[in-house]
Amino acid sequence: MMTFRGLALTGVALALGLVLSGPASALTSQRSVDVAVAQEIAVKAGDTVSVTAKTANLRSGPSAKSKKIAALAKGTKLTVTEVAKSGWVKVKGPAGDGYVSARLVK
């Protein structure tokens, strides 16, 4: 039979375990995302790519929060000028220069 003190200590141990496991699992998840993004970017500067999504936003910076410059239709040809570590590629195309998510071009 477990005493109140035993239950309290078990609860504290469980709570600490949950607190300690949270950040570690978050780091593991972030590493998985980073690896997935690195594997997705199979292009290099100078490559010609096409938009594979129905539409892709051309942005002023390598972030979904950056200002939208234009919406690019599927099949739009772009020249890669730089590969950003954040999963974005800098491109030059008919709408000008900007950044597109690497997941949306091939």
Protein backbone atom coordinates (compact mmCIF):
# COMPACT_ATOMS: atom_id res chain seq x y z
CA MET A 1 0.00 0.00 0.00
CA MET A 2 1.38 3.41 -0.95
CA THR A 3 1.32 6.29 1.51
CA PHE A 4 0.34 9.85 0.72
CA ARG A 5 4.03 10.80 0.77
CA GLY A 6 4.82 7.98 -1.69
CA LEU A 7 2.06 9.16 -4.02
CA ALA A 8 3.28 12.75 -3.79
CA LEU A 9 6.85 11.73 -4.62
CA THR A 10 5.65 9.60 -7.51
CA GLY A 11 3.65 12.56 -8.83
CA VAL A 12 6.67 14.86 -8.56
CA ALA A 13 8.86 12.30 -10.34
CA LEU A 14 6.30 11.95 -13.13
CA ALA A 15 5.96 15.73 -13.45
CA LEU A 16 9.73 16.15 -13.62
CA GLY A 17 9.91 13.41 -16.22
CA LEU A 18 7.35 15.18 -18.35
CA VAL A 19 9.09 18.53 -17.96
CA LEU A 20 12.47 17.05 -18.79
CA SER A 21 11.20 15.05 -21.73
CA GLY A 22 9.44 18.03 -23.34
CA PRO A 23 12.44 20.02 -24.54
CA ALA A 24 14.38 16.89 -25.56
CA SER A 25 11.53 15.69 -27.75
CA ALA A 26 11.15 19.21 -29.18
CA LEU A 27 14.84 19.22 -30.08
CA THR A 28 14.52 15.80 -31.66
CA SER A 29 11.55 17.01 -33.69
CA GLN A 30 13.45 20.10 -34.82
CA ARG A 31 16.43 17.98 -35.88
CA SER A 32 14.08 15.75 -37.87
CA VAL A 33 12.65 18.79 -39.63
CA ASP A 34 16.15 20.13 -40.37
CA VAL A 35 17.22 16.79 -41.84
CA ALA A 36 14.04 16.58 -43.91
CA VAL A 37 14.56 20.12 -45.22
CA ALA A 38 18.20 19.40 -46.07
CA GLN A 39 17.13 16.29 -47.97
CA GLU A 40 14.39 18.22 -49.82
CA ILE A 41 16.79 20.80 -51.22
CA ALA A 42 18.26 18.87 -54.10
CA VAL A 43 19.10 21.97 -56.13
CA LYS A 44 22.12 24.22 -56.29
CA ALA A 45 22.85 27.71 -57.56
CA GLY A 46 22.61 27.87 -61.33
CA ASP A 47 19.99 25.12 -61.63
CA THR A 48 16.75 25.75 -63.49
CA VAL A 49 13.68 24.59 -61.57
CA SER A 50 9.92 24.64 -62.10
CA VAL A 51 7.14 25.37 -59.65
CA THR A 52 5.54 22.01 -58.78
CA ALA A 53 2.67 23.32 -56.62
CA LYS A 54 -0.54 24.83 -58.00
CA THR A 55 0.90 28.21 -56.96
CA ALA A 56 4.01 29.31 -55.09
CA ASN A 57 4.57 32.68 -53.46
CA LEU A 58 7.69 34.59 -54.48
CA ARG A 59 8.78 36.43 -51.32
CA SER A 60 11.23 39.20 -50.47
CA GLY A 61 13.03 37.05 -47.86
CA PRO A 62 13.43 33.39 -46.87
CA SER A 63 10.35 33.26 -44.64
CA ALA A 64 6.60 32.82 -45.00
CA LYS A 65 6.36 36.11 -43.07
CA SER A 66 8.35 38.02 -45.70
CA LYS A 67 6.51 40.32 -48.10
CA LYS A 68 4.85 38.54 -51.03
CA ILE A 69 6.20 39.77 -54.35
CA ALA A 70 4.15 37.58 -56.71
CA ALA A 71 2.21 34.34 -57.03
CA LEU A 72 3.91 31.92 -59.42
CA ALA A 73 1.83 29.41 -61.39
CA LYS A 74 2.65 25.72 -61.63
CA GLY A 75 5.32 25.13 -64.26
CA THR A 76 6.92 28.59 -63.98
CA LYS A 77 10.63 28.26 -64.76
CA LEU A 78 13.06 29.80 -62.27
CA THR A 79 16.85 30.00 -62.01
CA VAL A 80 18.26 29.23 -58.55
CA THR A 81 20.74 31.90 -57.47
CA GLU A 82 21.24 30.74 -53.86
CA VAL A 83 20.16 27.94 -51.52
CA ALA A 84 19.22 29.18 -48.05
CA LYS A 85 19.65 26.87 -45.01
CA SER A 86 16.12 27.56 -43.88
CA GLY A 87 14.45 25.49 -46.63
CA TRP A 88 14.15 28.34 -49.09
CA VAL A 89 15.84 29.02 -52.43
CA LYS A 90 16.60 32.42 -53.88
CA VAL A 91 15.47 32.51 -57.50
CA LYS A 92 15.34 34.71 -60.56
CA GLY A 93 12.30 34.44 -62.79
CA PRO A 94 9.75 36.29 -64.89
CA ALA A 95 8.34 38.07 -61.81
CA GLY A 96 11.82 39.16 -60.63
CA ASP A 97 14.17 38.00 -57.88
CA GLY A 98 13.00 36.56 -54.58
CA TYR A 99 12.67 33.51 -52.41
CA VAL A 100 10.51 30.40 -52.84
CA SER A 101 10.07 27.47 -50.49
CA ALA A 102 12.30 24.63 -51.68
CA ARG A 103 9.38 22.21 -51.19
CA LEU A 104 7.46 23.91 -54.00
CA VAL A 105 10.05 23.64 -56.79
CA LYS A 106 11.90 20.85 -58.52
